[in-house]
Amino acid sequence: MMKEHEKSSDKLSPKVNALLIIDVQEKIIRPIFNKDLITKNIKKLIEAYQILEENIFLSEQNPFKLGATIPELLPKNGFRKFEKMEFSLAKLEEFLKELKDKKISNLIVCGIETHICIQQTVLDCLQTGFEVILISDAMGSRNRVDHEIALKRMTKSGAILTTTESIIFELCKTADRKEFKEIRNIIMS
C-alpha cells in the first residue's frame, strides 16, 4: 500500500473534472461554523469553474424540509441538480451514470456538512475509483472538530486536500491563458 507521500501525483490528473457542490441550503447553512468564509469561497469556485471548466453538479438534501440551495450559490448556467434523501450523493444511480457518461474521473468537492453528506459521498466515490479533491476552506460543519476529523478521515482514505485559491490556479494552469485576468479578479475579490 502506498504511503501518503508516495502518491503517483499530488496534482490534479489531466482527466475530466467535475465540481460537486453539496447541500448548500438555507436551513443547513445557518449554524455552520465559519459560514461566511465558506459561502464566499464556494462562490469564487463557481465563478472560476464556469470560466475554466464545464461539469458542475449540485445536490440538495431533502429540499422540501431543508430548503433550496442559497440563490447566490447557484451556478448561472450549465449545472445539474440532484435532490436526495441519502446522505451520500454517490448512492444515486443517475448521478453515477452522468459521471460515467461524461467520463469524469476527478471530483472537486465543496459544501456542507463535511462530516455527514460530504464525507459519505467522498468515501463512496473513492471506493468507486474517483480521484477526490477536497476544498477545505469551502466546506464546513456546525462544529469545527467534526470538520477537522472528517478531513483527516477522508484524506487517510485517499482524498487530496487543498484550498479554494490553490485549486483555481491549478485549474487555470498558466498566466498566459486569456481568462487569467478574469480569474485573478475572482481570487482578489
Protein backbone atom coordinates (compact mmCIF):
# COMPACT_ATOMS: atom_id res chain seq x y z
CA MET A 1 0.00 0.00 0.00
CA MET A 2 1.33 3.45 -0.93
CA LYS A 3 2.05 5.89 1.84
CA GLU A 4 0.67 9.44 1.81
CA HIS A 5 3.87 10.94 0.34
CA GLU A 6 4.18 8.21 -2.31
CA LYS A 7 1.03 9.12 -4.28
CA SER A 8 1.56 8.96 -8.01
CA SER A 9 0.71 12.64 -8.24
CA ASP A 10 -0.29 15.34 -5.83
CA LYS A 11 -1.61 17.46 -8.71
CA LEU A 12 -4.90 17.06 -10.49
CA SER A 13 -4.74 14.27 -13.03
CA PRO A 14 -5.20 15.54 -16.58
CA LYS A 15 -8.61 13.93 -16.78
CA VAL A 16 -12.17 15.20 -16.81
CA ASN A 17 -13.06 17.22 -13.72
CA ALA A 18 -16.39 17.96 -12.06
CA LEU A 19 -17.19 20.43 -9.31
CA LEU A 20 -19.54 18.96 -6.69
CA ILE A 21 -21.42 21.50 -4.57
CA ILE A 22 -23.01 19.55 -1.76
CA ASP A 23 -26.10 20.73 0.13
CA VAL A 24 -25.52 24.50 0.49
CA GLN A 25 -29.12 25.01 1.54
CA GLU A 26 -30.84 27.68 3.59
CA LYS A 27 -31.67 25.65 6.72
CA ILE A 28 -28.46 23.62 6.74
CA ILE A 29 -26.01 26.52 6.44
CA ARG A 30 -27.38 28.73 9.25
CA PRO A 31 -25.48 27.08 12.15
CA ILE A 32 -22.31 26.26 10.18
CA PHE A 33 -19.02 27.34 11.75
CA ASN A 34 -17.29 29.96 9.55
CA LYS A 35 -20.23 30.02 7.10
CA ASP A 36 -19.44 33.47 5.62
CA LEU A 37 -15.95 32.43 4.51
CA ILE A 38 -17.24 29.09 3.21
CA THR A 39 -20.00 30.83 1.22
CA LYS A 40 -17.52 33.35 -0.22
CA ASN A 41 -15.12 30.57 -1.28
CA ILE A 42 -17.85 28.42 -2.86
CA LYS A 43 -18.94 31.48 -4.83
CA LYS A 44 -15.36 32.01 -6.06
CA LEU A 45 -15.12 28.34 -7.04
CA ILE A 46 -18.35 28.51 -9.02
CA GLU A 47 -17.34 31.73 -10.82
CA ALA A 48 -13.89 30.43 -11.71
CA TYR A 49 -15.14 26.98 -12.62
CA GLN A 50 -17.72 28.39 -15.03
CA ILE A 51 -14.89 30.14 -16.87
CA LEU A 52 -12.38 27.27 -16.86
CA GLU A 53 -14.37 24.03 -16.85
CA GLU A 54 -17.85 22.73 -17.61
CA ASN A 55 -19.16 19.99 -15.31
CA ILE A 56 -20.92 21.32 -12.23
CA PHE A 57 -23.12 19.11 -10.07
CA LEU A 58 -25.17 20.36 -7.16
CA SER A 59 -27.03 18.34 -4.56
CA GLU A 60 -29.83 19.21 -2.19
CA GLN A 61 -30.61 17.11 0.88
CA ASN A 62 -34.36 16.75 1.37
CA PRO A 63 -35.09 20.21 -0.14
CA PHE A 64 -38.77 20.00 0.83
CA LYS A 65 -37.79 20.25 4.52
CA LEU A 66 -34.35 21.89 4.36
CA GLY A 67 -34.96 24.46 1.63
CA ALA A 68 -33.33 25.09 -1.71
CA THR A 69 -29.73 25.97 -2.48
CA ILE A 70 -28.87 29.52 -1.40
CA PRO A 71 -29.55 31.65 -4.52
CA GLU A 72 -26.10 33.29 -4.52
CA LEU A 73 -24.52 29.82 -4.69
CA LEU A 74 -26.49 28.63 -7.70
CA PRO A 75 -24.29 28.46 -10.81
CA LYS A 76 -25.55 30.77 -13.56
CA ASN A 77 -25.89 28.01 -16.15
CA GLY A 78 -24.88 24.55 -17.24
CA PHE A 79 -25.19 22.66 -13.97
CA ARG A 80 -27.06 19.52 -12.97
CA LYS A 81 -29.00 19.37 -9.69
CA PHE A 82 -29.73 16.19 -7.75
CA GLU A 83 -32.25 16.02 -4.92
CA LYS A 84 -31.55 13.28 -2.40
CA MET A 85 -32.61 11.68 0.85
CA GLU A 86 -29.48 9.51 1.18
CA PHE A 87 -26.58 11.33 2.80
CA SER A 88 -24.20 10.11 0.08
CA LEU A 89 -24.74 11.60 -3.36
CA ALA A 90 -22.92 8.52 -4.70
CA LYS A 91 -25.93 6.37 -3.76
CA LEU A 92 -27.89 7.97 -6.62
CA GLU A 93 -27.65 5.84 -9.78
CA GLU A 94 -28.47 8.80 -12.04
CA PHE A 95 -25.53 10.76 -10.57
CA LEU A 96 -23.07 7.91 -11.12
CA LYS A 97 -24.42 7.34 -14.64
CA GLU A 98 -23.91 11.01 -15.51
CA LEU A 99 -20.30 10.88 -14.26
CA LYS A 100 -19.69 7.73 -16.31
CA ASP A 101 -21.35 9.14 -19.46
CA LYS A 102 -19.21 12.30 -19.26
CA LYS A 103 -16.07 10.23 -18.48
CA ILE A 104 -15.49 12.26 -15.31
CA SER A 105 -12.68 10.93 -13.12
CA ASN A 106 -11.77 13.85 -10.81
CA LEU A 107 -14.26 15.26 -8.31
CA ILE A 108 -13.61 18.67 -6.76
CA VAL A 109 -15.79 18.81 -3.64
CA CYS A 110 -17.17 21.71 -1.59
CA GLY A 111 -20.28 22.33 0.50
CA ILE A 112 -21.71 21.23 3.84
CA GLU A 113 -21.62 19.36 6.17
CA THR A 114 -18.09 17.99 5.99
CA HIS A 115 -18.66 15.12 8.42
CA ILE A 116 -22.02 13.96 7.06
CA CYS A 117 -23.00 14.29 3.40
CA ILE A 118 -19.57 15.30 2.13
CA GLN A 119 -17.75 12.55 4.00
CA GLN A 120 -20.20 9.81 2.98
CA THR A 121 -20.17 10.96 -0.67
CA VAL A 122 -16.36 11.17 -0.74
CA LEU A 123 -15.78 7.78 0.86
CA ASP A 124 -18.22 6.16 -1.60
CA CYS A 125 -16.66 7.96 -4.58
CA LEU A 126 -13.14 6.94 -3.53
CA GLN A 127 -14.28 3.32 -3.30
CA THR A 128 -15.73 3.61 -6.80
CA GLY A 129 -12.35 4.75 -8.17
CA PHE A 130 -12.71 8.52 -8.47
CA GLU A 131 -9.93 10.94 -7.59
CA VAL A 132 -11.40 13.29 -4.99
CA ILE A 133 -10.10 16.77 -4.20
CA LEU A 134 -11.42 18.37 -1.00
CA ILE A 135 -11.58 22.17 -0.91
CA SER A 136 -11.02 22.52 2.83
CA ASP A 137 -11.89 26.24 3.09
CA ALA A 138 -15.08 25.81 1.02
CA MET A 139 -16.70 23.22 3.26
CA GLY A 140 -17.71 23.07 6.88
CA SER A 141 -19.75 21.63 9.73
CA ARG A 142 -21.58 23.06 12.71
CA ASN A 143 -18.66 22.09 14.93
CA ARG A 144 -15.07 22.71 13.96
CA VAL A 145 -13.93 19.35 15.38
CA ASP A 146 -16.37 17.43 13.15
CA HIS A 147 -15.00 19.27 10.10
CA GLU A 148 -11.36 18.62 11.04
CA ILE A 149 -11.79 14.93 11.90
CA ALA A 150 -13.78 14.32 8.69
CA LEU A 151 -10.99 15.94 6.61
CA LYS A 152 -8.45 13.63 8.29
CA ARG A 153 -10.60 10.56 7.70
CA MET A 154 -11.17 11.39 4.01
CA THR A 155 -7.50 12.18 3.31
CA LYS A 156 -6.46 8.97 5.05
CA SER A 157 -8.84 7.18 2.66
CA GLY A 158 -7.14 8.78 -0.37
CA ALA A 159 -8.74 12.19 -0.93
CA ILE A 160 -6.47 15.15 -1.73
CA LEU A 161 -6.75 18.24 0.47
CA THR A 162 -6.36 21.76 -0.94
CA THR A 163 -7.81 25.28 -0.77
CA THR A 164 -10.03 27.43 -2.97
CA GLU A 165 -7.23 29.63 -4.30
CA SER A 166 -4.90 26.70 -4.90
CA ILE A 167 -7.42 24.68 -6.95
CA ILE A 168 -8.46 27.70 -9.02
CA PHE A 169 -4.84 28.37 -10.02
CA GLU A 170 -4.30 24.66 -10.66
CA LEU A 171 -7.30 24.54 -12.99
CA CYS A 172 -6.11 27.73 -14.72
CA LYS A 173 -2.61 26.22 -15.20
CA THR A 174 -0.93 29.35 -16.66
CA ALA A 175 -1.00 33.15 -16.53
CA ASP A 176 -0.83 33.07 -20.34
CA ARG A 177 -4.48 31.99 -20.56
CA LYS A 178 -6.82 34.62 -21.94
CA GLU A 179 -9.11 34.02 -18.94
CA PHE A 180 -6.34 34.65 -16.39
CA LYS A 181 -7.20 38.30 -15.73
CA GLU A 182 -10.82 37.34 -15.03
CA ILE A 183 -9.64 34.52 -12.74
CA ARG A 184 -7.25 36.84 -10.88
CA ASN A 185 -10.13 39.27 -10.29
CA ILE A 186 -12.23 36.47 -8.77
CA ILE A 187 -9.37 35.46 -6.45
CA MET A 188 -8.73 39.04 -5.33
CA SER A 189 -12.41 39.83 -4.64
